[in-house]
Amino acid sequence: MTSYADLDSVTTFGFRGEALSSLCALSDVQIITTTAAEAPKGTKLEFEMSGKLKSRSVTAAQKGATVLVENIFKTLPVRRKELERNIKREYTKVLGILQAYAGVCVGVKFSVFNQPAKG
């Protein structure tokens, strides 16, 4: 990109390999993805802690990509405990960031689920 006009041609949210690797080191990560031409058949990708692809399988999916992050900070108990202590504040921050993306992106759907283990 060399000018502000180039921003109109950006077609991704910049989810790069470093982010995926970091998420894998801290949590259980799965990605389900498919294109409009392949739907309702998609690909489910499961990753090891190292970021290496653990498994690939065919699954039912809608057009797009779903990133599932579970057990965040499972490898860092102190951080996990801190997150649990401040979960409402941190969840609000995450929602704010996603709402900012959703406000400027047309033709994209964001869904966020927070499903505590208890209740």
PDB file of N, CA and C in Angstrom:
ATOM      1  N   MET A   1       0.843  -1.171   0.000  1.00  0.00           N
ATOM      2  CA  MET A   1       0.000   0.000   0.000  1.00  0.00           C
ATOM      3  C   MET A   1       0.888   1.233   0.000  1.00  0.00           C
ATOM      4  N   THR A   2       0.511   2.159  -0.857  1.00  0.00           N
ATOM      5  CA  THR A   2       1.313   3.371  -0.968  1.00  0.00           C
ATOM      6  C   THR A   2       0.514   4.636  -0.717  1.00  0.00           C
ATOM      7  N   SER A   3      -0.827   4.534  -0.664  1.00  0.00           N
ATOM      8  CA  SER A   3      -1.645   5.716  -0.425  1.00  0.00           C
ATOM      9  C   SER A   3      -2.928   5.320   0.305  1.00  0.00           C
ATOM     10  N   TYR A   4      -3.655   6.316   0.812  1.00  0.00           N
ATOM     11  CA  TYR A   4      -4.920   6.050   1.492  1.00  0.00           C
ATOM     12  C   TYR A   4      -5.941   5.409   0.555  1.00  0.00           C
ATOM     13  N   ALA A   5      -5.880   5.715  -0.713  1.00  0.00           N
ATOM     14  CA  ALA A   5      -6.807   5.130  -1.684  1.00  0.00           C
ATOM     15  C   ALA A   5      -6.635   3.612  -1.770  1.00  0.00           C
ATOM     16  N   ASP A   6      -5.425   3.127  -1.476  1.00  0.00           N
ATOM     17  CA  ASP A   6      -5.171   1.683  -1.499  1.00  0.00           C
ATOM     18  C   ASP A   6      -5.967   0.937  -0.437  1.00  0.00           C
ATOM     19  N   LEU A   7      -6.422   1.622   0.603  1.00  0.00           N
ATOM     20  CA  LEU A   7      -7.192   0.977   1.667  1.00  0.00           C
ATOM     21  C   LEU A   7      -8.487   0.366   1.143  1.00  0.00           C
ATOM     22  N   ASP A   8      -9.028   0.945   0.070  1.00  0.00           N
ATOM     23  CA  ASP A   8     -10.260   0.401  -0.516  1.00  0.00           C
ATOM     24  C   ASP A   8     -10.066  -0.989  -1.103  1.00  0.00           C
ATOM     25  N   SER A   9      -8.820  -1.362  -1.393  1.00  0.00           N
ATOM     26  CA  SER A   9      -8.571  -2.658  -2.016  1.00  0.00           C
ATOM     27  C   SER A   9      -8.195  -3.745  -1.010  1.00  0.00           C
ATOM     28  N   VAL A  10      -8.104  -3.421   0.273  1.00  0.00           N
ATOM     29  CA  VAL A  10      -7.765  -4.423   1.287  1.00  0.00           C
ATOM     30  C   VAL A  10      -8.940  -5.378   1.441  1.00  0.00           C
ATOM     31  N   THR A  11      -8.677  -6.674   1.344  1.00  0.00           N
ATOM     32  CA  THR A  11      -9.758  -7.659   1.398  1.00  0.00           C
ATOM     33  C   THR A  11      -9.640  -8.626   2.568  1.00  0.00           C
ATOM     34  N   THR A  12      -8.679  -8.414   3.483  1.00  0.00           N
ATOM     35  CA  THR A  12      -8.540  -9.288   4.638  1.00  0.00           C
ATOM     36  C   THR A  12      -8.481  -8.439   5.900  1.00  0.00           C
ATOM     37  N   PHE A  13      -8.564  -9.101   7.025  1.00  0.00           N
ATOM     38  CA  PHE A  13      -8.425  -8.417   8.306  1.00  0.00           C
ATOM     39  C   PHE A  13      -7.020  -8.585   8.856  1.00  0.00           C
ATOM     40  N   GLY A  14      -6.113  -9.093   8.050  1.00  0.00           N
ATOM     41  CA  GLY A  14      -4.723  -9.203   8.453  1.00  0.00           C
ATOM     42  C   GLY A  14      -4.446 -10.308   9.444  1.00  0.00           C
ATOM     43  N   PHE A  15      -5.229 -11.387   9.433  1.00  0.00           N
ATOM     44  CA  PHE A  15      -4.992 -12.505  10.334  1.00  0.00           C
ATOM     45  C   PHE A  15      -3.808 -13.272   9.784  1.00  0.00           C
ATOM     46  N   ARG A  16      -2.630 -12.994  10.335  1.00  0.00           N
ATOM     47  CA  ARG A  16      -1.408 -13.542   9.779  1.00  0.00           C
ATOM     48  C   ARG A  16      -0.898 -14.717  10.601  1.00  0.00           C
ATOM     49  N   GLY A  17       0.110 -15.352  10.106  1.00  0.00           N
ATOM     50  CA  GLY A  17       0.678 -16.531  10.732  1.00  0.00           C
ATOM     51  C   GLY A  17       1.145 -16.320  12.160  1.00  0.00           C
ATOM     52  N   GLU A  18       1.713 -15.138  12.453  1.00  0.00           N
ATOM     53  CA  GLU A  18       2.198 -14.889  13.812  1.00  0.00           C
ATOM     54  C   GLU A  18       1.049 -14.926  14.812  1.00  0.00           C
ATOM     55  N   ALA A  19      -0.085 -14.363  14.427  1.00  0.00           N
ATOM     56  CA  ALA A  19      -1.250 -14.349  15.310  1.00  0.00           C
ATOM     57  C   ALA A  19      -1.756 -15.765  15.538  1.00  0.00           C
ATOM     58  N   LEU A  20      -1.801 -16.556  14.509  1.00  0.00           N
ATOM     59  CA  LEU A  20      -2.259 -17.932  14.624  1.00  0.00           C
ATOM     60  C   LEU A  20      -1.320 -18.726  15.527  1.00  0.00           C
ATOM     61  N   SER A  21      -0.049 -18.565  15.343  1.00  0.00           N
ATOM     62  CA  SER A  21       0.936 -19.266  16.160  1.00  0.00           C
ATOM     63  C   SER A  21       0.812 -18.871  17.627  1.00  0.00           C
ATOM     64  N   SER A  22       0.628 -17.589  17.888  1.00  0.00           N
ATOM     65  CA  SER A  22       0.471 -17.113  19.269  1.00  0.00           C
ATOM     66  C   SER A  22      -0.788 -17.662  19.903  1.00  0.00           C
ATOM     67  N   LEU A  23      -1.889 -17.652  19.163  1.00  0.00           N
ATOM     68  CA  LEU A  23      -3.134 -18.213  19.687  1.00  0.00           C
ATOM     69  C   LEU A  23      -2.982 -19.700  19.999  1.00  0.00           C
ATOM     70  N   CYS A  24      -2.306 -20.433  19.141  1.00  0.00           N
ATOM     71  CA  CYS A  24      -2.113 -21.866  19.352  1.00  0.00           C
ATOM     72  C   CYS A  24      -1.285 -22.136  20.612  1.00  0.00           C
ATOM     73  N   ALA A  25      -0.311 -21.296  20.877  1.00  0.00           N
ATOM     74  CA  ALA A  25       0.532 -21.474  22.057  1.00  0.00           C
ATOM     75  C   ALA A  25      -0.245 -21.229  23.347  1.00  0.00           C
ATOM     76  N   LEU A  26      -1.325 -20.449  23.263  1.00  0.00           N
ATOM     77  CA  LEU A  26      -2.070 -20.049  24.456  1.00  0.00           C
ATOM     78  C   LEU A  26      -3.410 -20.737  24.631  1.00  0.00           C
ATOM     79  N   SER A  27      -3.883 -21.458  23.596  1.00  0.00           N
ATOM     80  CA  SER A  27      -5.250 -21.973  23.649  1.00  0.00           C
ATOM     81  C   SER A  27      -5.434 -23.132  22.677  1.00  0.00           C
ATOM     82  N   ASP A  28      -6.649 -23.656  22.640  1.00  0.00           N
ATOM     83  CA  ASP A  28      -7.022 -24.663  21.653  1.00  0.00           C
ATOM     84  C   ASP A  28      -7.673 -23.927  20.487  1.00  0.00           C
ATOM     85  N   VAL A  29      -7.160 -24.115  19.273  1.00  0.00           N
ATOM     86  CA  VAL A  29      -7.621 -23.351  18.108  1.00  0.00           C
ATOM     87  C   VAL A  29      -8.121 -24.286  17.003  1.00  0.00           C
ATOM     88  N   GLN A  30      -9.283 -23.936  16.465  1.00  0.00           N
ATOM     89  CA  GLN A  30      -9.838 -24.610  15.293  1.00  0.00           C
ATOM     90  C   GLN A  30     -10.313 -23.531  14.326  1.00  0.00           C
ATOM     91  N   ILE A  31     -10.180 -23.798  13.053  1.00  0.00           N
ATOM     92  CA  ILE A  31     -10.696 -22.890  12.025  1.00  0.00           C
ATOM     93  C   ILE A  31     -11.548 -23.722  11.063  1.00  0.00           C
ATOM     94  N   ILE A  32     -12.755 -23.241  10.812  1.00  0.00           N
ATOM     95  CA  ILE A  32     -13.628 -23.862   9.819  1.00  0.00           C
ATOM     96  C   ILE A  32     -13.796 -22.843   8.706  1.00  0.00           C
ATOM     97  N   THR A  33     -13.518 -23.255   7.488  1.00  0.00           N
ATOM     98  CA  THR A  33     -13.547 -22.306   6.375  1.00  0.00           C
ATOM     99  C   THR A  33     -14.106 -22.948   5.113  1.00  0.00           C
ATOM    100  N   THR A  34     -14.780 -22.126   4.319  1.00  0.00           N
ATOM    101  CA  THR A  34     -15.266 -22.574   3.011  1.00  0.00           C
ATOM    102  C   THR A  34     -15.556 -21.360   2.129  1.00  0.00           C
ATOM    103  N   THR A  35     -15.565 -21.587   0.846  1.00  0.00           N
ATOM    104  CA  THR A  35     -15.933 -20.538  -0.104  1.00  0.00           C
ATOM    105  C   THR A  35     -17.390 -20.753  -0.502  1.00  0.00           C
ATOM    106  N   ALA A  36     -17.976 -19.778  -1.155  1.00  0.00           N
ATOM    107  CA  ALA A  36     -19.368 -19.894  -1.607  1.00  0.00           C
ATOM    108  C   ALA A  36     -19.524 -21.081  -2.557  1.00  0.00           C
ATOM    109  N   ALA A  37     -18.533 -21.316  -3.390  1.00  0.00           N
ATOM    110  CA  ALA A  37     -18.610 -22.404  -4.367  1.00  0.00           C
ATOM    111  C   ALA A  37     -18.552 -23.777  -3.696  1.00  0.00           C
ATOM    112  N   GLU A  38     -17.889 -23.884  -2.555  1.00  0.00           N
ATOM    113  CA  GLU A  38     -17.742 -25.173  -1.868  1.00  0.00           C
ATOM    114  C   GLU A  38     -18.843 -25.444  -0.856  1.00  0.00           C
ATOM    115  N   ALA A  39     -19.513 -24.400  -0.365  1.00  0.00           N
ATOM    116  CA  ALA A  39     -20.542 -24.559   0.675  1.00  0.00           C
ATOM    117  C   ALA A  39     -21.631 -25.487   0.172  1.00  0.00           C
ATOM    118  N   PRO A  40     -22.216 -26.289   0.998  1.00  0.00           N
ATOM    119  CA  PRO A  40     -22.131 -26.361   2.457  1.00  0.00           C
ATOM    120  C   PRO A  40     -21.008 -27.256   2.978  1.00  0.00           C
ATOM    121  N   LYS A  41     -20.058 -27.623   2.138  1.00  0.00           N
ATOM    122  CA  LYS A  41     -18.922 -28.433   2.570  1.00  0.00           C
ATOM    123  C   LYS A  41     -17.763 -27.497   2.887  1.00  0.00           C
ATOM    124  N   GLY A  42     -17.164 -27.695   4.041  1.00  0.00           N
ATOM    125  CA  GLY A  42     -16.048 -26.854   4.428  1.00  0.00           C
ATOM    126  C   GLY A  42     -14.880 -27.679   4.936  1.00  0.00           C
ATOM    127  N   THR A  43     -13.846 -26.992   5.353  1.00  0.00           N
ATOM    128  CA  THR A  43     -12.654 -27.639   5.887  1.00  0.00           C
ATOM    129  C   THR A  43     -12.451 -27.204   7.328  1.00  0.00           C
ATOM    130  N   LYS A  44     -12.262 -28.182   8.200  1.00  0.00           N
ATOM    131  CA  LYS A  44     -11.991 -27.911   9.611  1.00  0.00           C
ATOM    132  C   LYS A  44     -10.508 -28.159   9.854  1.00  0.00           C
ATOM    133  N   LEU A  45      -9.826 -27.146  10.354  1.00  0.00           N
ATOM    134  CA  LEU A  45      -8.398 -27.226  10.636  1.00  0.00           C
ATOM    135  C   LEU A  45      -8.191 -27.177  12.149  1.00  0.00           C
ATOM    136  N   GLU A  46      -7.457 -28.130  12.685  1.00  0.00           N
ATOM    137  CA  GLU A  46      -7.120 -28.132  14.108  1.00  0.00           C
ATOM    138  C   GLU A  46      -5.606 -28.001  14.228  1.00  0.00           C
ATOM    139  N   PHE A  47      -5.158 -27.209  15.206  1.00  0.00           N
ATOM    140  CA  PHE A  47      -3.740 -26.889  15.321  1.00  0.00           C
ATOM    141  C   PHE A  47      -3.140 -27.379  16.634  1.00  0.00           C
ATOM    142  N   GLU A  48      -1.856 -27.725  16.579  1.00  0.00           N
ATOM    143  CA  GLU A  48      -1.094 -28.088  17.770  1.00  0.00           C
ATOM    144  C   GLU A  48      -0.670 -26.814  18.493  1.00  0.00           C
ATOM    145  N   MET A  49      -0.135 -26.971  19.703  1.00  0.00           N
ATOM    146  CA  MET A  49       0.342 -25.806  20.458  1.00  0.00           C
ATOM    147  C   MET A  49       1.444 -25.061  19.719  1.00  0.00           C
ATOM    148  N   SER A  50       2.215 -25.768  18.910  1.00  0.00           N
ATOM    149  CA  SER A  50       3.322 -25.156  18.175  1.00  0.00           C
ATOM    150  C   SER A  50       2.842 -24.324  16.983  1.00  0.00           C
ATOM    151  N   GLY A  51       1.552 -24.456  16.638  1.00  0.00           N
ATOM    152  CA  GLY A  51       1.024 -23.771  15.465  1.00  0.00           C
ATOM    153  C   GLY A  51       0.983 -24.668  14.243  1.00  0.00           C
ATOM    154  N   LYS A  52       1.547 -25.853  14.370  1.00  0.00           N
ATOM    155  CA  LYS A  52       1.555 -26.813  13.265  1.00  0.00           C
ATOM    156  C   LYS A  52       0.160 -27.416  13.105  1.00  0.00           C
ATOM    157  N   LEU A  53      -0.236 -27.636  11.858  1.00  0.00           N
ATOM    158  CA  LEU A  53      -1.536 -28.228  11.560  1.00  0.00           C
ATOM    159  C   LEU A  53      -1.580 -29.647  12.105  1.00  0.00           C
ATOM    160  N   LYS A  54      -2.535 -29.917  13.000  1.00  0.00           N
ATOM    161  CA  LYS A  54      -2.692 -31.235  13.611  1.00  0.00           C
ATOM    162  C   LYS A  54      -3.599 -32.127  12.776  1.00  0.00           C
ATOM    163  N   SER A  55      -4.711 -31.562  12.307  1.00  0.00           N
ATOM    164  CA  SER A  55      -5.629 -32.363  11.492  1.00  0.00           C
ATOM    165  C   SER A  55      -6.435 -31.475  10.565  1.00  0.00           C
ATOM    166  N   ARG A  56      -6.883 -32.096   9.492  1.00  0.00           N
ATOM    167  CA  ARG A  56      -7.719 -31.432   8.492  1.00  0.00           C
ATOM    168  C   ARG A  56      -8.841 -32.405   8.175  1.00  0.00           C
ATOM    169  N   SER A  57     -10.080 -31.908   8.227  1.00  0.00           N
ATOM    170  CA  SER A  57     -11.212 -32.791   7.931  1.00  0.00           C
ATOM    171  C   SER A  57     -12.303 -32.000   7.212  1.00  0.00           C
ATOM    172  N   VAL A  58     -13.203 -32.729   6.585  1.00  0.00           N
ATOM    173  CA  VAL A  58     -14.341 -32.126   5.902  1.00  0.00           C
ATOM    174  C   VAL A  58     -15.470 -31.992   6.909  1.00  0.00           C
ATOM    175  N   THR A  59     -16.164 -30.856   6.875  1.00  0.00           N
ATOM    176  CA  THR A  59     -17.267 -30.604   7.793  1.00  0.00           C
ATOM    177  C   THR A  59     -18.307 -29.719   7.120  1.00  0.00           C
ATOM    178  N   ALA A  60     -19.483 -29.677   7.691  1.00  0.00           N
ATOM    179  CA  ALA A  60     -20.516 -28.761   7.192  1.00  0.00           C
ATOM    180  C   ALA A  60     -20.131 -27.341   7.572  1.00  0.00           C
ATOM    181  N   ALA A  61     -20.329 -26.411   6.654  1.00  0.00           N
ATOM    182  CA  ALA A  61     -19.941 -25.028   6.935  1.00  0.00           C
ATOM    183  C   ALA A  61     -20.683 -24.061   6.027  1.00  0.00           C
ATOM    184  N   GLN A  62     -20.883 -22.854   6.545  1.00  0.00           N
ATOM    185  CA  GLN A  62     -21.412 -21.772   5.735  1.00  0.00           C
ATOM    186  C   GLN A  62     -20.242 -21.009   5.149  1.00  0.00           C
ATOM    187  N   LYS A  63     -20.493 -20.249   4.099  1.00  0.00           N
ATOM    188  CA  LYS A  63     -19.453 -19.452   3.441  1.00  0.00           C
ATOM    189  C   LYS A  63     -18.755 -18.564   4.465  1.00  0.00           C
ATOM    190  N   GLY A  64     -17.449 -18.570   4.430  1.00  0.00           N
ATOM    191  CA  GLY A  64     -16.673 -17.724   5.318  1.00  0.00           C
ATOM    192  C   GLY A  64     -15.719 -18.528   6.174  1.00  0.00           C
ATOM    193  N   ALA A  65     -15.271 -17.895   7.235  1.00  0.00           N
ATOM    194  CA  ALA A  65     -14.330 -18.552   8.144  1.00  0.00           C
ATOM    195  C   ALA A  65     -14.813 -18.370   9.575  1.00  0.00           C
ATOM    196  N   THR A  66     -14.694 -19.429  10.352  1.00  0.00           N
ATOM    197  CA  THR A  66     -15.004 -19.391  11.775  1.00  0.00           C
ATOM    198  C   THR A  66     -13.735 -19.762  12.515  1.00  0.00           C
ATOM    199  N   VAL A  67     -13.320 -18.896  13.426  1.00  0.00           N
ATOM    200  CA  VAL A  67     -12.134 -19.159  14.240  1.00  0.00           C
ATOM    201  C   VAL A  67     -12.622 -19.440  15.649  1.00  0.00           C
ATOM    202  N   LEU A  68     -12.334 -20.623  16.151  1.00  0.00           N
ATOM    203  CA  LEU A  68     -12.769 -21.037  17.472  1.00  0.00           C
ATOM    204  C   LEU A  68     -11.553 -21.097  18.393  1.00  0.00           C
ATOM    205  N   VAL A  69     -11.585 -20.282  19.441  1.00  0.00           N
ATOM    206  CA  VAL A  69     -10.502 -20.237  20.427  1.00  0.00           C
ATOM    207  C   VAL A  69     -11.089 -20.669  21.762  1.00  0.00           C
ATOM    208  N   GLU A  70     -10.579 -21.780  22.284  1.00  0.00           N
ATOM    209  CA  GLU A  70     -11.074 -22.313  23.552  1.00  0.00           C
ATOM    210  C   GLU A  70      -9.925 -22.437  24.546  1.00  0.00           C
ATOM    211  N   ASN A  71     -10.282 -22.386  25.821  1.00  0.00           N
ATOM    212  CA  ASN A  71      -9.306 -22.564  26.909  1.00  0.00           C
ATOM    213  C   ASN A  71      -8.143 -21.583  26.802  1.00  0.00           C
ATOM    214  N   ILE A  72      -8.464 -20.315  26.571  1.00  0.00           N
ATOM    215  CA  ILE A  72      -7.413 -19.314  26.402  1.00  0.00           C
ATOM    216  C   ILE A  72      -6.569 -19.209  27.673  1.00  0.00           C
ATOM    217  N   PHE A  73      -5.290 -19.049  27.497  1.00  0.00           N
ATOM    218  CA  PHE A  73      -4.275 -18.988  28.551  1.00  0.00           C
ATOM    219  C   PHE A  73      -4.162 -20.293  29.332  1.00  0.00           C
ATOM    220  N   LYS A  74      -4.504 -21.406  28.699  1.00  0.00           N
ATOM    221  CA  LYS A  74      -4.430 -22.700  29.388  1.00  0.00           C
ATOM    222  C   LYS A  74      -3.001 -23.039  29.803  1.00  0.00           C
ATOM    223  N   THR A  75      -2.024 -22.526  29.093  1.00  0.00           N
ATOM    224  CA  THR A  75      -0.622 -22.814  29.407  1.00  0.00           C
ATOM    225  C   THR A  75      -0.014 -21.801  30.364  1.00  0.00           C
ATOM    226  N   LEU A  76      -0.764 -20.755  30.702  1.00  0.00           N
ATOM    227  CA  LEU A  76      -0.280 -19.713  31.612  1.00  0.00           C
ATOM    228  C   LEU A  76      -1.292 -19.525  32.741  1.00  0.00           C
ATOM    229  N   PRO A  77      -1.231 -20.351  33.772  1.00  0.00           N
ATOM    230  CA  PRO A  77      -2.245 -20.329  34.827  1.00  0.00           C
ATOM    231  C   PRO A  77      -2.409 -18.972  35.520  1.00  0.00           C
ATOM    232  N   VAL A  78      -1.336 -18.230  35.686  1.00  0.00           N
ATOM    233  CA  VAL A  78      -1.438 -16.922  36.351  1.00  0.00           C
ATOM    234  C   VAL A  78      -2.231 -15.956  35.479  1.00  0.00           C
ATOM    235  N   ARG A  79      -1.944 -15.944  34.192  1.00  0.00           N
ATOM    236  CA  ARG A  79      -2.709 -15.085  33.268  1.00  0.00           C
ATOM    237  C   ARG A  79      -4.159 -15.527  33.184  1.00  0.00           C
ATOM    238  N   ARG A  80      -4.376 -16.819  33.180  1.00  0.00           N
ATOM    239  CA  ARG A  80      -5.743 -17.352  33.135  1.00  0.00           C
ATOM    240  C   ARG A  80      -6.535 -16.886  34.349  1.00  0.00           C
ATOM    241  N   LYS A  81      -5.934 -16.967  35.508  1.00  0.00           N
ATOM    242  CA  LYS A  81      -6.598 -16.545  36.739  1.00  0.00           C
ATOM    243  C   LYS A  81      -6.907 -15.038  36.699  1.00  0.00           C
ATOM    244  N   GLU A  82      -5.976 -14.252  36.176  1.00  0.00           N
ATOM    245  CA  GLU A  82      -6.177 -12.802  36.053  1.00  0.00           C
ATOM    246  C   GLU A  82      -7.321 -12.502  35.081  1.00  0.00           C
ATOM    247  N   LEU A  83      -7.363 -13.235  33.969  1.00  0.00           N
ATOM    248  CA  LEU A  83      -8.451 -13.059  33.003  1.00  0.00           C
ATOM    249  C   LEU A  83      -9.790 -13.398  33.649  1.00  0.00           C
ATOM    250  N   GLU A  84      -9.851 -14.495  34.357  1.00  0.00           N
ATOM    251  CA  GLU A  84     -11.094 -14.896  35.015  1.00  0.00           C
ATOM    252  C   GLU A  84     -11.546 -13.855  36.037  1.00  0.00           C
ATOM    253  N   ARG A  85     -10.584 -13.239  36.701  1.00  0.00           N
ATOM    254  CA  ARG A  85     -10.901 -12.211  37.702  1.00  0.00           C
ATOM    255  C   ARG A  85     -11.479 -10.953  37.062  1.00  0.00           C
ATOM    256  N   ASN A  86     -11.028 -10.635  35.847  1.00  0.00           N
ATOM    257  CA  ASN A  86     -11.439  -9.411  35.158  1.00  0.00           C
ATOM    258  C   ASN A  86     -12.206  -9.704  33.873  1.00  0.00           C
ATOM    259  N   ILE A  87     -12.913 -10.821  33.831  1.00  0.00           N
ATOM    260  CA  ILE A  87     -13.518 -11.287  32.584  1.00  0.00           C
ATOM    261  C   ILE A  87     -14.496 -10.281  31.980  1.00  0.00           C
ATOM    262  N   LYS A  88     -15.307  -9.636  32.785  1.00  0.00           N
ATOM    263  CA  LYS A  88     -16.292  -8.698  32.234  1.00  0.00           C
ATOM    264  C   LYS A  88     -15.609  -7.525  31.545  1.00  0.00           C
ATOM    265  N   ARG A  89     -14.591  -6.977  32.168  1.00  0.00           N
ATOM    266  CA  ARG A  89     -13.875  -5.836  31.583  1.00  0.00           C
ATOM    267  C   ARG A  89     -13.158  -6.254  30.296  1.00  0.00           C
ATOM    268  N   GLU A  90     -12.475  -7.398  30.309  1.00  0.00           N
ATOM    269  CA  GLU A  90     -11.744  -7.855  29.128  1.00  0.00           C
ATOM    270  C   GLU A  90     -12.690  -8.215  27.982  1.00  0.00           C
ATOM    271  N   TYR A  91     -13.804  -8.840  28.308  1.00  0.00           N
ATOM    272  CA  TYR A  91     -14.789  -9.189  27.285  1.00  0.00           C
ATOM    273  C   TYR A  91     -15.357  -7.925  26.642  1.00  0.00           C
ATOM    274  N   THR A  92     -15.598  -6.897  27.446  1.00  0.00           N
ATOM    275  CA  THR A  92     -16.083  -5.615  26.922  1.00  0.00           C
ATOM    276  C   THR A  92     -15.069  -4.993  25.967  1.00  0.00           C
ATOM    277  N   LYS A  93     -13.793  -5.101  26.281  1.00  0.00           N
ATOM    278  CA  LYS A  93     -12.741  -4.582  25.397  1.00  0.00           C
ATOM    279  C   LYS A  93     -12.752  -5.309  24.050  1.00  0.00           C
ATOM    280  N   VAL A  94     -12.857  -6.635  24.103  1.00  0.00           N
ATOM    281  CA  VAL A  94     -12.889  -7.428  22.871  1.00  0.00           C
ATOM    282  C   VAL A  94     -14.092  -7.041  22.020  1.00  0.00           C
ATOM    283  N   LEU A  95     -15.250  -6.914  22.665  1.00  0.00           N
ATOM    284  CA  LEU A  95     -16.456  -6.511  21.925  1.00  0.00           C
ATOM    285  C   LEU A  95     -16.284  -5.145  21.273  1.00  0.00           C
ATOM    286  N   GLY A  96     -15.646  -4.230  21.962  1.00  0.00           N
ATOM    287  CA  GLY A  96     -15.404  -2.894  21.407  1.00  0.00           C
ATOM    288  C   GLY A  96     -14.563  -2.932  20.141  1.00  0.00           C
ATOM    289  N   ILE A  97     -13.532  -3.751  20.150  1.00  0.00           N
ATOM    290  CA  ILE A  97     -12.669  -3.886  18.971  1.00  0.00           C
ATOM    291  C   ILE A  97     -13.452  -4.503  17.812  1.00  0.00           C
ATOM    292  N   LEU A  98     -14.203  -5.561  18.098  1.00  0.00           N
ATOM    293  CA  LEU A  98     -14.975  -6.203  17.035  1.00  0.00           C
ATOM    294  C   LEU A  98     -16.079  -5.286  16.502  1.00  0.00           C
ATOM    295  N   GLN A  99     -16.683  -4.506  17.360  1.00  0.00           N
ATOM    296  CA  GLN A  99     -17.700  -3.558  16.899  1.00  0.00           C
ATOM    297  C   GLN A  99     -17.084  -2.504  15.995  1.00  0.00           C
ATOM    298  N   ALA A 100     -15.863  -2.095  16.276  1.00  0.00           N
ATOM    299  CA  ALA A 100     -15.185  -1.122  15.412  1.00  0.00           C
ATOM    300  C   ALA A 100     -14.961  -1.714  14.021  1.00  0.00           C
ATOM    301  N   TYR A 101     -14.512  -2.967  13.963  1.00  0.00           N
ATOM    302  CA  TYR A 101     -14.357  -3.631  12.668  1.00  0.00           C
ATOM    303  C   TYR A 101     -15.706  -3.765  11.975  1.00  0.00           C
ATOM    304  N   ALA A 102     -16.718  -4.187  12.710  1.00  0.00           N
ATOM    305  CA  ALA A 102     -18.039  -4.394  12.115  1.00  0.00           C
ATOM    306  C   ALA A 102     -18.626  -3.087  11.596  1.00  0.00           C
ATOM    307  N   GLY A 103     -18.291  -1.985  12.220  1.00  0.00           N
ATOM    308  CA  GLY A 103     -18.824  -0.687  11.800  1.00  0.00           C
ATOM    309  C   GLY A 103     -18.282  -0.202  10.472  1.00  0.00           C
ATOM    310  N   VAL A 104     -17.124  -0.697  10.078  1.00  0.00           N
ATOM    311  CA  VAL A 104     -16.517  -0.221   8.833  1.00  0.00           C
ATOM    312  C   VAL A 104     -16.491  -1.275   7.736  1.00  0.00           C
ATOM    313  N   CYS A 105     -16.957  -2.466   8.042  1.00  0.00           N
ATOM    314  CA  CYS A 105     -16.899  -3.559   7.068  1.00  0.00           C
ATOM    315  C   CYS A 105     -18.293  -3.946   6.601  1.00  0.00           C
ATOM    316  N   VAL A 106     -18.533  -3.786   5.324  1.00  0.00           N
ATOM    317  CA  VAL A 106     -19.824  -4.200   4.773  1.00  0.00           C
ATOM    318  C   VAL A 106     -19.691  -5.607   4.200  1.00  0.00           C
ATOM    319  N   GLY A 107     -20.774  -6.357   4.244  1.00  0.00           N
ATOM    320  CA  GLY A 107     -20.764  -7.703   3.694  1.00  0.00           C
ATOM    321  C   GLY A 107     -20.041  -8.720   4.552  1.00  0.00           C
ATOM    322  N   VAL A 108     -19.810  -8.387   5.829  1.00  0.00           N
ATOM    323  CA  VAL A 108     -19.111  -9.275   6.747  1.00  0.00           C
ATOM    324  C   VAL A 108     -19.958  -9.434   8.003  1.00  0.00           C
ATOM    325  N   LYS A 109     -20.010 -10.651   8.516  1.00  0.00           N
ATOM    326  CA  LYS A 109     -20.773 -10.916   9.727  1.00  0.00           C
ATOM    327  C   LYS A 109     -19.820 -11.310  10.840  1.00  0.00           C
ATOM    328  N   PHE A 110     -19.951 -10.672  11.984  1.00  0.00           N
ATOM    329  CA  PHE A 110     -19.185 -11.029  13.164  1.00  0.00           C
ATOM    330  C   PHE A 110     -20.134 -11.618  14.189  1.00  0.00           C
ATOM    331  N   SER A 111     -19.790 -12.757  14.739  1.00  0.00           N
ATOM    332  CA  SER A 111     -20.561 -13.366  15.828  1.00  0.00           C
ATOM    333  C   SER A 111     -19.586 -13.672  16.956  1.00  0.00           C
ATOM    334  N   VAL A 112     -19.978 -13.316  18.152  1.00  0.00           N
ATOM    335  CA  VAL A 112     -19.120 -13.559  19.318  1.00  0.00           C
ATOM    336  C   VAL A 112     -19.937 -14.336  20.341  1.00  0.00           C
ATOM    337  N   PHE A 113     -19.327 -15.387  20.876  1.00  0.00           N
ATOM    338  CA  PHE A 113     -19.977 -16.183  21.905  1.00  0.00           C
ATOM    339  C   PHE A 113     -19.048 -16.325  23.084  1.00  0.00           C
ATOM    340  N   ASN A 114     -19.562 -16.109  24.257  1.00  0.00           N
ATOM    341  CA  ASN A 114     -18.805 -16.331  25.484  1.00  0.00           C
ATOM    342  C   ASN A 114     -19.579 -17.384  26.251  1.00  0.00           C
ATOM    343  N   GLN A 115     -19.067 -18.586  26.287  1.00  0.00           N
ATOM    344  CA  GLN A 115     -19.768 -19.687  26.919  1.00  0.00           C
ATOM    345  C   GLN A 115     -18.955 -20.201  28.101  1.00  0.00           C
ATOM    346  N   PRO A 116     -19.223 -19.664  29.288  1.00  0.00           N
ATOM    347  CA  PRO A 116     -18.508 -20.131  30.471  1.00  0.00           C
ATOM    348  C   PRO A 116     -18.762 -21.622  30.731  1.00  0.00           C
ATOM    349  N   ALA A 117     -17.818 -22.281  31.327  1.00  0.00           N
ATOM    350  CA  ALA A 117     -17.944 -23.712  31.598  1.00  0.00           C
ATOM    351  C   ALA A 117     -19.123 -23.999  32.542  1.00  0.00           C
ATOM    352  N   LYS A 118     -19.347 -23.098  33.480  1.00  0.00           N
ATOM    353  CA  LYS A 118     -20.441 -23.280  34.437  1.00  0.00           C
ATOM    354  C   LYS A 118     -21.554 -22.298  34.112  1.00  0.00           C
ATOM    355  N   GLY A 119     -22.722 -22.817  33.735  1.00  0.00           N
ATOM    356  CA  GLY A 119     -23.871 -21.945  33.520  1.00  0.00           C
ATOM    357  C   GLY A 119     -23.994 -21.350  32.175  1.00  0.00           C
TER     358      GLY A 119
END
